[in-house]
PDB file of N, CA and C in Angstrom:
ATOM      1  N   MET A   1     -44.747  22.056  33.960  1.00  0.00           N
ATOM      2  CA  MET A   1     -45.696  23.355  33.147  1.00  0.00           C
ATOM      3  C   MET A   1     -44.291  23.702  32.807  1.00  0.00           C
ATOM      4  N   GLU A   2     -44.399  24.338  31.087  1.00  0.00           N
ATOM      5  CA  GLU A   2     -43.222  24.637  30.617  1.00  0.00           C
ATOM      6  C   GLU A   2     -43.533  26.187  30.562  1.00  0.00           C
ATOM      7  N   GLU A   3     -41.925  26.859  31.109  1.00  0.00           N
ATOM      8  CA  GLU A   3     -41.692  28.062  31.227  1.00  0.00           C
ATOM      9  C   GLU A   3     -41.709  28.902  30.126  1.00  0.00           C
ATOM     10  N   ILE A   4     -42.809  30.036  29.927  1.00  0.00           N
ATOM     11  CA  ILE A   4     -43.234  30.907  29.000  1.00  0.00           C
ATOM     12  C   ILE A   4     -41.916  31.895  28.472  1.00  0.00           C
ATOM     13  N   ASN A   5     -41.504  31.894  27.403  1.00  0.00           N
ATOM     14  CA  ASN A   5     -40.271  33.022  26.856  1.00  0.00           C
ATOM     15  C   ASN A   5     -40.856  34.003  26.388  1.00  0.00           C
ATOM     16  N   TYR A   6     -40.089  35.126  27.040  1.00  0.00           N
ATOM     17  CA  TYR A   6     -40.911  36.472  26.507  1.00  0.00           C
ATOM     18  C   TYR A   6     -39.985  36.720  25.548  1.00  0.00           C
ATOM     19  N   MET A   7     -40.269  37.176  24.141  1.00  0.00           N
ATOM     20  CA  MET A   7     -39.146  37.696  23.118  1.00  0.00           C
ATOM     21  C   MET A   7     -39.317  39.360  23.411  1.00  0.00           C
ATOM     22  N   PHE A   8     -38.051  40.152  22.922  1.00  0.00           N
ATOM     23  CA  PHE A   8     -37.896  41.532  22.704  1.00  0.00           C
ATOM     24  C   PHE A   8     -37.270  41.819  21.782  1.00  0.00           C
ATOM     25  N   TRP A   9     -37.836  42.829  21.033  1.00  0.00           N
ATOM     26  CA  TRP A   9     -37.337  43.621  19.393  1.00  0.00           C
ATOM     27  C   TRP A   9     -37.213  44.818  19.516  1.00  0.00           C
ATOM     28  N   HIS A  10     -36.357  45.392  18.512  1.00  0.00           N
ATOM     29  CA  HIS A  10     -36.281  46.769  18.364  1.00  0.00           C
ATOM     30  C   HIS A  10     -37.332  47.190  17.814  1.00  0.00           C
ATOM     31  N   TYR A  11     -37.489  48.717  18.245  1.00  0.00           N
ATOM     32  CA  TYR A  11     -38.727  49.392  17.501  1.00  0.00           C
ATOM     33  C   TYR A  11     -38.472  50.624  17.518  1.00  0.00           C
ATOM     34  N   ASP A  12     -39.214  51.669  16.593  1.00  0.00           N
ATOM     35  CA  ASP A  12     -38.577  52.814  16.234  1.00  0.00           C
ATOM     36  C   ASP A  12     -39.238  54.040  17.054  1.00  0.00           C
ATOM     37  N   LEU A  13     -40.113  53.651  18.075  1.00  0.00           N
ATOM     38  CA  LEU A  13     -40.915  54.609  19.123  1.00  0.00           C
ATOM     39  C   LEU A  13     -40.331  54.161  19.957  1.00  0.00           C
ATOM     40  N   PHE A  14     -40.176  54.974  21.168  1.00  0.00           N
ATOM     41  CA  PHE A  14     -40.224  54.978  22.901  1.00  0.00           C
ATOM     42  C   PHE A  14     -41.078  53.974  23.300  1.00  0.00           C
ATOM     43  N   PRO A  15     -40.254  53.218  23.702  1.00  0.00           N
ATOM     44  CA  PRO A  15     -39.306  52.997  24.549  1.00  0.00           C
ATOM     45  C   PRO A  15     -38.013  51.920  23.739  1.00  0.00           C
ATOM     46  N   TYR A  16     -38.621  51.933  22.663  1.00  0.00           N
ATOM     47  CA  TYR A  16     -37.451  51.314  21.254  1.00  0.00           C
ATOM     48  C   TYR A  16     -37.375  50.188  21.486  1.00  0.00           C
ATOM     49  N   LEU A  17     -38.589  49.147  22.565  1.00  0.00           N
ATOM     50  CA  LEU A  17     -38.255  47.837  22.382  1.00  0.00           C
ATOM     51  C   LEU A  17     -39.979  47.222  22.446  1.00  0.00           C
ATOM     52  N   LEU A  18     -40.312  46.151  21.612  1.00  0.00           N
ATOM     53  CA  LEU A  18     -41.202  45.792  22.066  1.00  0.00           C
ATOM     54  C   LEU A  18     -41.425  44.121  22.750  1.00  0.00           C
ATOM     55  N   SER A  19     -42.335  43.646  22.991  1.00  0.00           N
ATOM     56  CA  SER A  19     -41.947  42.453  23.611  1.00  0.00           C
ATOM     57  C   SER A  19     -43.394  41.772  23.573  1.00  0.00           C
ATOM     58  N   SER A  20     -43.457  40.472  23.625  1.00  0.00           N
ATOM     59  CA  SER A  20     -44.662  39.384  23.630  1.00  0.00           C
ATOM     60  C   SER A  20     -44.039  37.994  24.243  1.00  0.00           C
ATOM     61  N   GLU A  21     -45.119  37.334  24.601  1.00  0.00           N
ATOM     62  CA  GLU A  21     -44.637  35.689  24.625  1.00  0.00           C
ATOM     63  C   GLU A  21     -44.277  35.184  23.363  1.00  0.00           C
ATOM     64  N   MET A  22     -43.214  34.617  23.425  1.00  0.00           N
ATOM     65  CA  MET A  22     -42.769  34.084  22.127  1.00  0.00           C
ATOM     66  C   MET A  22     -43.437  32.570  21.516  1.00  0.00           C
ATOM     67  N   ASN A  23     -43.759  32.417  20.511  1.00  0.00           N
ATOM     68  CA  ASN A  23     -44.833  31.100  20.010  1.00  0.00           C
ATOM     69  C   ASN A  23     -43.428  30.529  18.753  1.00  0.00           C
ATOM     70  N   GLY A  24     -43.189  29.631  19.728  1.00  0.00           N
ATOM     71  CA  GLY A  24     -42.269  28.557  18.881  1.00  0.00           C
ATOM     72  C   GLY A  24     -40.857  28.700  19.152  1.00  0.00           C
ATOM     73  N   ASN A  25     -40.155  28.620  18.260  1.00  0.00           N
ATOM     74  CA  ASN A  25     -38.469  28.844  18.411  1.00  0.00           C
ATOM     75  C   ASN A  25     -37.884  29.883  17.987  1.00  0.00           C
ATOM     76  N   ILE A  26     -36.586  30.384  17.842  1.00  0.00           N
ATOM     77  CA  ILE A  26     -35.971  31.154  16.653  1.00  0.00           C
ATOM     78  C   ILE A  26     -35.348  30.702  15.812  1.00  0.00           C
ATOM     79  N   ASP A  27     -35.799  31.347  14.472  1.00  0.00           N
ATOM     80  CA  ASP A  27     -35.430  30.590  13.249  1.00  0.00           C
ATOM     81  C   ASP A  27     -33.924  30.573  12.759  1.00  0.00           C
ATOM     82  N   ALA A  28     -33.221  30.022  11.938  1.00  0.00           N
ATOM     83  CA  ALA A  28     -31.688  30.477  11.597  1.00  0.00           C
ATOM     84  C   ALA A  28     -31.529  32.131  11.479  1.00  0.00           C
ATOM     85  N   GLU A  29     -32.458  32.595  11.012  1.00  0.00           N
ATOM     86  CA  GLU A  29     -32.309  34.037  10.554  1.00  0.00           C
ATOM     87  C   GLU A  29     -32.278  35.102  11.958  1.00  0.00           C
ATOM     88  N   GLY A  30     -32.829  34.607  13.214  1.00  0.00           N
ATOM     89  CA  GLY A  30     -32.977  35.085  14.470  1.00  0.00           C
ATOM     90  C   GLY A  30     -34.410  35.799  14.228  1.00  0.00           C
ATOM     91  N   TYR A  31     -35.145  35.457  13.845  1.00  0.00           N
ATOM     92  CA  TYR A  31     -36.788  35.900  13.658  1.00  0.00           C
ATOM     93  C   TYR A  31     -37.408  34.650  14.615  1.00  0.00           C
ATOM     94  N   ALA A  32     -38.644  35.152  15.455  1.00  0.00           N
ATOM     95  CA  ALA A  32     -39.506  34.353  15.918  1.00  0.00           C
ATOM     96  C   ALA A  32     -41.010  34.821  16.021  1.00  0.00           C
ATOM     97  N   LYS A  33     -41.778  34.078  16.139  1.00  0.00           N
ATOM     98  CA  LYS A  33     -43.582  34.744  15.963  1.00  0.00           C
ATOM     99  C   LYS A  33     -43.696  35.158  17.238  1.00  0.00           C
ATOM    100  N   ALA A  34     -44.568  36.259  17.327  1.00  0.00           N
ATOM    101  CA  ALA A  34     -44.597  36.883  18.767  1.00  0.00           C
ATOM    102  C   ALA A  34     -46.081  36.562  18.792  1.00  0.00           C
ATOM    103  N   LYS A  35     -46.589  36.048  20.126  1.00  0.00           N
ATOM    104  CA  LYS A  35     -48.099  36.088  20.387  1.00  0.00           C
ATOM    105  C   LYS A  35     -48.609  37.407  20.450  1.00  0.00           C
ATOM    106  N   GLY A  36     -49.704  36.926  19.913  1.00  0.00           N
ATOM    107  CA  GLY A  36     -50.652  38.497  19.758  1.00  0.00           C
ATOM    108  C   GLY A  36     -50.628  39.442  18.898  1.00  0.00           C
ATOM    109  N   TYR A  37     -49.713  39.080  17.455  1.00  0.00           N
ATOM    110  CA  TYR A  37     -49.106  39.766  16.604  1.00  0.00           C
ATOM    111  C   TYR A  37     -49.664  39.189  15.252  1.00  0.00           C
ATOM    112  N   GLY A  38     -50.777  38.282  15.119  1.00  0.00           N
ATOM    113  CA  GLY A  38     -51.184  37.793  14.286  1.00  0.00           C
ATOM    114  C   GLY A  38     -50.606  36.663  13.119  1.00  0.00           C
ATOM    115  N   GLY A  39     -49.444  35.865  14.020  1.00  0.00           N
ATOM    116  CA  GLY A  39     -48.555  34.976  13.230  1.00  0.00           C
ATOM    117  C   GLY A  39     -47.100  35.744  12.656  1.00  0.00           C
ATOM    118  N   SER A  40     -47.122  37.033  13.038  1.00  0.00           N
ATOM    119  CA  SER A  40     -46.009  38.046  12.618  1.00  0.00           C
ATOM    120  C   SER A  40     -44.555  37.454  12.915  1.00  0.00           C
ATOM    121  N   LYS A  41     -43.961  37.758  12.235  1.00  0.00           N
ATOM    122  CA  LYS A  41     -42.148  37.286  12.737  1.00  0.00           C
ATOM    123  C   LYS A  41     -41.352  38.638  13.019  1.00  0.00           C
ATOM    124  N   PHE A  42     -40.782  38.672  14.192  1.00  0.00           N
ATOM    125  CA  PHE A  42     -40.109  39.629  14.435  1.00  0.00           C
ATOM    126  C   PHE A  42     -38.608  39.285  14.682  1.00  0.00           C
ATOM    127  N   LYS A  43     -37.567  40.443  14.335  1.00  0.00           N
ATOM    128  CA  LYS A  43     -36.107  39.941  14.364  1.00  0.00           C
ATOM    129  C   LYS A  43     -35.720  40.078  16.255  1.00  0.00           C
ATOM    130  N   VAL A  44     -35.673  38.793  16.573  1.00  0.00           N
ATOM    131  CA  VAL A  44     -35.612  39.049  18.288  1.00  0.00           C
ATOM    132  C   VAL A  44     -33.956  39.137  18.494  1.00  0.00           C
ATOM    133  N   SER A  45     -33.906  40.472  19.495  1.00  0.00           N
ATOM    134  CA  SER A  45     -32.974  41.068  20.168  1.00  0.00           C
ATOM    135  C   SER A  45     -32.396  40.339  21.451  1.00  0.00           C
ATOM    136  N   PHE A  46     -33.424  39.682  21.964  1.00  0.00           N
ATOM    137  CA  PHE A  46     -33.228  39.328  23.596  1.00  0.00           C
ATOM    138  C   PHE A  46     -34.278  38.285  23.767  1.00  0.00           C
ATOM    139  N   VAL A  47     -34.184  37.465  24.733  1.00  0.00           N
ATOM    140  CA  VAL A  47     -35.102  36.491  25.103  1.00  0.00           C
ATOM    141  C   VAL A  47     -34.927  36.921  26.800  1.00  0.00           C
ATOM    142  N   VAL A  48     -35.781  36.384  27.545  1.00  0.00           N
ATOM    143  CA  VAL A  48     -35.833  36.532  28.696  1.00  0.00           C
ATOM    144  C   VAL A  48     -37.063  35.520  29.376  1.00  0.00           C
ATOM    145  N   TRP A  49     -36.584  34.946  29.979  1.00  0.00           N
ATOM    146  CA  TRP A  49     -37.308  33.487  30.233  1.00  0.00           C
ATOM    147  C   TRP A  49     -38.186  33.753  31.647  1.00  0.00           C
ATOM    148  N   GLY A  50     -39.472  33.275  31.943  1.00  0.00           N
ATOM    149  CA  GLY A  50     -40.403  32.888  32.866  1.00  0.00           C
ATOM    150  C   GLY A  50     -41.063  34.196  33.379  1.00  0.00           C
ATOM    151  N   ASP A  51     -40.929  34.297  34.631  1.00  0.00           N
ATOM    152  CA  ASP A  51     -41.501  35.478  34.992  1.00  0.00           C
ATOM    153  C   ASP A  51     -40.636  37.022  35.516  1.00  0.00           C
ATOM    154  N   LYS A  52     -39.043  36.711  35.006  1.00  0.00           N
ATOM    155  CA  LYS A  52     -38.434  37.647  34.833  1.00  0.00           C
ATOM    156  C   LYS A  52     -38.613  38.297  33.530  1.00  0.00           C
ATOM    157  N   GLY A  53     -39.062  37.410  32.430  1.00  0.00           N
ATOM    158  CA  GLY A  53     -39.548  38.167  30.974  1.00  0.00           C
ATOM    159  C   GLY A  53     -40.588  39.003  31.070  1.00  0.00           C
ATOM    160  N   LYS A  54     -41.734  38.290  32.102  1.00  0.00           N
ATOM    161  CA  LYS A  54     -42.789  39.044  32.017  1.00  0.00           C
ATOM    162  C   LYS A  54     -42.761  40.193  32.968  1.00  0.00           C
ATOM    163  N   ALA A  55     -41.894  40.106  33.982  1.00  0.00           N
ATOM    164  CA  ALA A  55     -42.134  41.435  34.724  1.00  0.00           C
ATOM    165  C   ALA A  55     -41.213  42.354  33.998  1.00  0.00           C
ATOM    166  N   LEU A  56     -40.216  42.344  33.228  1.00  0.00           N
ATOM    167  CA  LEU A  56     -39.339  43.701  31.906  1.00  0.00           C
ATOM    168  C   LEU A  56     -40.779  43.782  31.386  1.00  0.00           C
ATOM    169  N   ALA A  57     -41.187  42.803  30.724  1.00  0.00           N
ATOM    170  CA  ALA A  57     -42.282  43.504  29.239  1.00  0.00           C
ATOM    171  C   ALA A  57     -43.341  44.146  30.192  1.00  0.00           C
ATOM    172  N   ILE A  58     -44.075  43.971  31.532  1.00  0.00           N
ATOM    173  CA  ILE A  58     -44.580  44.799  32.387  1.00  0.00           C
ATOM    174  C   ILE A  58     -44.249  45.902  32.748  1.00  0.00           C
ATOM    175  N   THR A  59     -42.754  45.966  33.074  1.00  0.00           N
ATOM    176  CA  THR A  59     -42.085  47.282  33.062  1.00  0.00           C
ATOM    177  C   THR A  59     -41.952  48.251  31.788  1.00  0.00           C
ATOM    178  N   LEU A  60     -41.756  47.586  31.036  1.00  0.00           N
ATOM    179  CA  LEU A  60     -41.454  48.669  29.646  1.00  0.00           C
ATOM    180  C   LEU A  60     -42.559  49.297  29.236  1.00  0.00           C
ATOM    181  N   GLU A  61     -43.836  48.266  29.417  1.00  0.00           N
ATOM    182  CA  GLU A  61     -45.622  48.941  29.262  1.00  0.00           C
ATOM    183  C   GLU A  61     -45.273  50.190  30.117  1.00  0.00           C
ATOM    184  N   MET A  62     -44.996  49.759  31.291  1.00  0.00           N
ATOM    185  CA  MET A  62     -45.264  50.943  32.294  1.00  0.00           C
ATOM    186  C   MET A  62     -44.595  52.399  32.224  1.00  0.00           C
ATOM    187  N   ILE A  63     -43.084  52.235  31.710  1.00  0.00           N
ATOM    188  CA  ILE A  63     -42.559  53.348  31.496  1.00  0.00           C
ATOM    189  C   ILE A  63     -43.131  54.181  30.001  1.00  0.00           C
ATOM    190  N   ARG A  64     -43.528  52.980  28.933  1.00  0.00           N
ATOM    191  CA  ARG A  64     -44.388  53.622  27.814  1.00  0.00           C
ATOM    192  C   ARG A  64     -45.030  54.619  28.448  1.00  0.00           C
ATOM    193  N   ASP A  65     -46.299  53.936  29.082  1.00  0.00           N
ATOM    194  CA  ASP A  65     -47.286  54.584  29.575  1.00  0.00           C
ATOM    195  C   ASP A  65     -46.872  56.108  30.068  1.00  0.00           C
ATOM    196  N   ALA A  66     -45.967  55.907  30.918  1.00  0.00           N
ATOM    197  CA  ALA A  66     -45.673  57.075  31.837  1.00  0.00           C
ATOM    198  C   ALA A  66     -45.323  57.973  31.117  1.00  0.00           C
ATOM    199  N   TYR A  67     -44.194  57.786  29.730  1.00  0.00           N
ATOM    200  CA  TYR A  67     -43.540  58.690  28.745  1.00  0.00           C
ATOM    201  C   TYR A  67     -44.769  59.179  27.955  1.00  0.00           C
ATOM    202  N   ARG A  68     -45.575  58.641  27.521  1.00  0.00           N
ATOM    203  CA  ARG A  68     -46.940  58.871  26.879  1.00  0.00           C
ATOM    204  C   ARG A  68     -47.769  60.216  27.640  1.00  0.00           C
ATOM    205  N   THR A  69     -47.810  59.811  29.102  1.00  0.00           N
ATOM    206  CA  THR A  69     -48.737  60.566  29.393  1.00  0.00           C
ATOM    207  C   THR A  69     -47.575  62.054  30.159  1.00  0.00           C
ATOM    208  N   PHE A  70     -46.403  62.147  30.302  1.00  0.00           N
ATOM    209  CA  PHE A  70     -45.825  62.837  30.281  1.00  0.00           C
ATOM    210  C   PHE A  70     -45.773  64.070  29.181  1.00  0.00           C
ATOM    211  N   MET A  71     -45.712  63.183  28.103  1.00  0.00           N
ATOM    212  CA  MET A  71     -45.279  64.062  26.578  1.00  0.00           C
ATOM    213  C   MET A  71     -46.752  64.370  26.636  1.00  0.00           C
ATOM    214  N   ASP A  72     -47.932  64.050  26.537  1.00  0.00           N
ATOM    215  CA  ASP A  72     -49.314  64.479  26.374  1.00  0.00           C
ATOM    216  C   ASP A  72     -49.280  65.991  27.275  1.00  0.00           C
ATOM    217  N   ASP A  73     -49.054  65.896  28.735  1.00  0.00           N
ATOM    218  CA  ASP A  73     -49.007  66.828  29.333  1.00  0.00           C
ATOM    219  C   ASP A  73     -48.241  67.667  28.849  1.00  0.00           C
ATOM    220  N   SER A  74     -47.015  67.997  28.615  1.00  0.00           N
ATOM    221  CA  SER A  74     -46.326  69.011  28.161  1.00  0.00           C
ATOM    222  C   SER A  74     -46.602  69.503  26.740  1.00  0.00           C
ATOM    223  N   LYS A  75     -47.345  68.998  25.999  1.00  0.00           N
ATOM    224  CA  LYS A  75     -47.783  69.740  24.510  1.00  0.00           C
ATOM    225  C   LYS A  75     -48.147  70.914  25.081  1.00  0.00           C
ATOM    226  N   GLU A  76     -49.425  71.086  25.651  1.00  0.00           N
ATOM    227  CA  GLU A  76     -49.820  72.561  26.073  1.00  0.00           C
ATOM    228  C   GLU A  76     -48.931  73.326  26.349  1.00  0.00           C
ATOM    229  N   VAL A  77     -47.877  72.813  27.137  1.00  0.00           N
ATOM    230  CA  VAL A  77     -46.698  73.929  27.788  1.00  0.00           C
ATOM    231  C   VAL A  77     -46.252  74.712  26.244  1.00  0.00           C
ATOM    232  N   TRP A  78     -45.734  73.402  25.577  1.00  0.00           N
ATOM    233  CA  TRP A  78     -44.985  73.975  24.335  1.00  0.00           C
ATOM    234  C   TRP A  78     -45.856  74.862  23.354  1.00  0.00           C
ATOM    235  N   LYS A  79     -46.952  74.283  23.239  1.00  0.00           N
ATOM    236  CA  LYS A  79     -47.886  75.013  22.547  1.00  0.00           C
ATOM    237  C   LYS A  79     -48.291  76.537  22.693  1.00  0.00           C
ATOM    238  N   GLU A  80     -48.284  76.486  24.054  1.00  0.00           N
ATOM    239  CA  GLU A  80     -48.266  78.047  24.915  1.00  0.00           C
ATOM    240  C   GLU A  80     -46.862  78.616  24.365  1.00  0.00           C
ATOM    241  N   LYS A  81     -45.725  78.232  24.168  1.00  0.00           N
ATOM    242  CA  LYS A  81     -44.274  78.968  23.453  1.00  0.00           C
ATOM    243  C   LYS A  81     -44.306  79.326  22.574  1.00  0.00           C
ATOM    244  N   ILE A  82     -44.963  78.148  21.701  1.00  0.00           N
ATOM    245  CA  ILE A  82     -44.855  78.730  20.251  1.00  0.00           C
ATOM    246  C   ILE A  82     -45.656  79.812  20.188  1.00  0.00           C
ATOM    247  N   ASP A  83     -46.799  79.682  20.650  1.00  0.00           N
ATOM    248  CA  ASP A  83     -47.897  80.761  20.654  1.00  0.00           C
ATOM    249  C   ASP A  83     -47.040  82.125  20.883  1.00  0.00           C
ATOM    250  N   ASP A  84     -46.602  82.058  22.142  1.00  0.00           N
ATOM    251  CA  ASP A  84     -46.262  83.591  22.569  1.00  0.00           C
ATOM    252  C   ASP A  84     -45.136  83.587  21.566  1.00  0.00           C
ATOM    253  N   THR A  85     -43.910  82.958  20.955  1.00  0.00           N
ATOM    254  CA  THR A  85     -43.028  83.528  20.364  1.00  0.00           C
ATOM    255  C   THR A  85     -43.486  83.923  19.085  1.00  0.00           C
ATOM    256  N   LEU A  86     -44.655  83.348  18.437  1.00  0.00           N
ATOM    257  CA  LEU A  86     -45.512  83.999  16.992  1.00  0.00           C
ATOM    258  C   LEU A  86     -45.994  85.187  17.341  1.00  0.00           C
ATOM    259  N   LYS A  87     -46.508  85.337  18.504  1.00  0.00           N
ATOM    260  CA  LYS A  87     -47.043  86.680  18.919  1.00  0.00           C
ATOM    261  C   LYS A  87     -46.040  87.661  18.846  1.00  0.00           C
ATOM    262  N   ILE A  88     -44.995  87.609  19.166  1.00  0.00           N
ATOM    263  CA  ILE A  88     -43.577  88.645  19.195  1.00  0.00           C
ATOM    264  C   ILE A  88     -43.514  88.914  18.164  1.00  0.00           C
ATOM    265  N   TYR A  89     -43.489  88.164  16.841  1.00  0.00           N
ATOM    266  CA  TYR A  89     -43.232  88.248  15.749  1.00  0.00           C
ATOM    267  C   TYR A  89     -44.596  88.523  15.224  1.00  0.00           C
ATOM    268  N   GLY A  90     -45.963  88.974  15.678  1.00  0.00           N
ATOM    269  CA  GLY A  90     -47.029  89.882  14.762  1.00  0.00           C
ATOM    270  C   GLY A  90     -48.027  88.352  14.119  1.00  0.00           C
ATOM    271  N   VAL A  91     -47.679  87.197  14.704  1.00  0.00           N
ATOM    272  CA  VAL A  91     -47.957  86.351  13.815  1.00  0.00           C
ATOM    273  C   VAL A  91     -49.555  85.710  14.710  1.00  0.00           C
ATOM    274  N   GLU A  92     -50.655  85.405  14.355  1.00  0.00           N
ATOM    275  CA  GLU A  92     -51.889  85.111  15.157  1.00  0.00           C
ATOM    276  C   GLU A  92     -51.261  83.817  15.746  1.00  0.00           C
ATOM    277  N   LYS A  93     -52.255  83.337  16.956  1.00  0.00           N
ATOM    278  CA  LYS A  93     -51.855  82.017  17.679  1.00  0.00           C
ATOM    279  C   LYS A  93     -52.307  81.075  16.299  1.00  0.00           C
ATOM    280  N   LEU A  94     -51.570  80.049  16.765  1.00  0.00           N
ATOM    281  CA  LEU A  94     -52.027  78.760  15.782  1.00  0.00           C
ATOM    282  C   LEU A  94     -53.588  77.954  16.022  1.00  0.00           C
ATOM    283  N   THR A  95     -53.893  78.484  17.644  1.00  0.00           N
ATOM    284  CA  THR A  95     -54.675  77.773  17.719  1.00  0.00           C
ATOM    285  C   THR A  95     -56.304  78.510  17.927  1.00  0.00           C
TER     286      THR A  95
END
């Protein structure tokens, strides 16, 4: 049974890496096709093989999901702070 390679590449949003199973090989320019991305190629930052690659991909997804939950939960707190600050200056609430 062939071991699955997991490729990781830089991304501009948290956690600043995306990952996927790699389809094929890395080309001369450092790009490879990522499974599930419609044949799109990405500049590979690094590759992790087998179960370790899968575990890293899952862990990064869990971190991303926890971050999103944290950010969503904290939006209300910051929204209230903005509204309180505006109130000091005689400006109506944004909401």
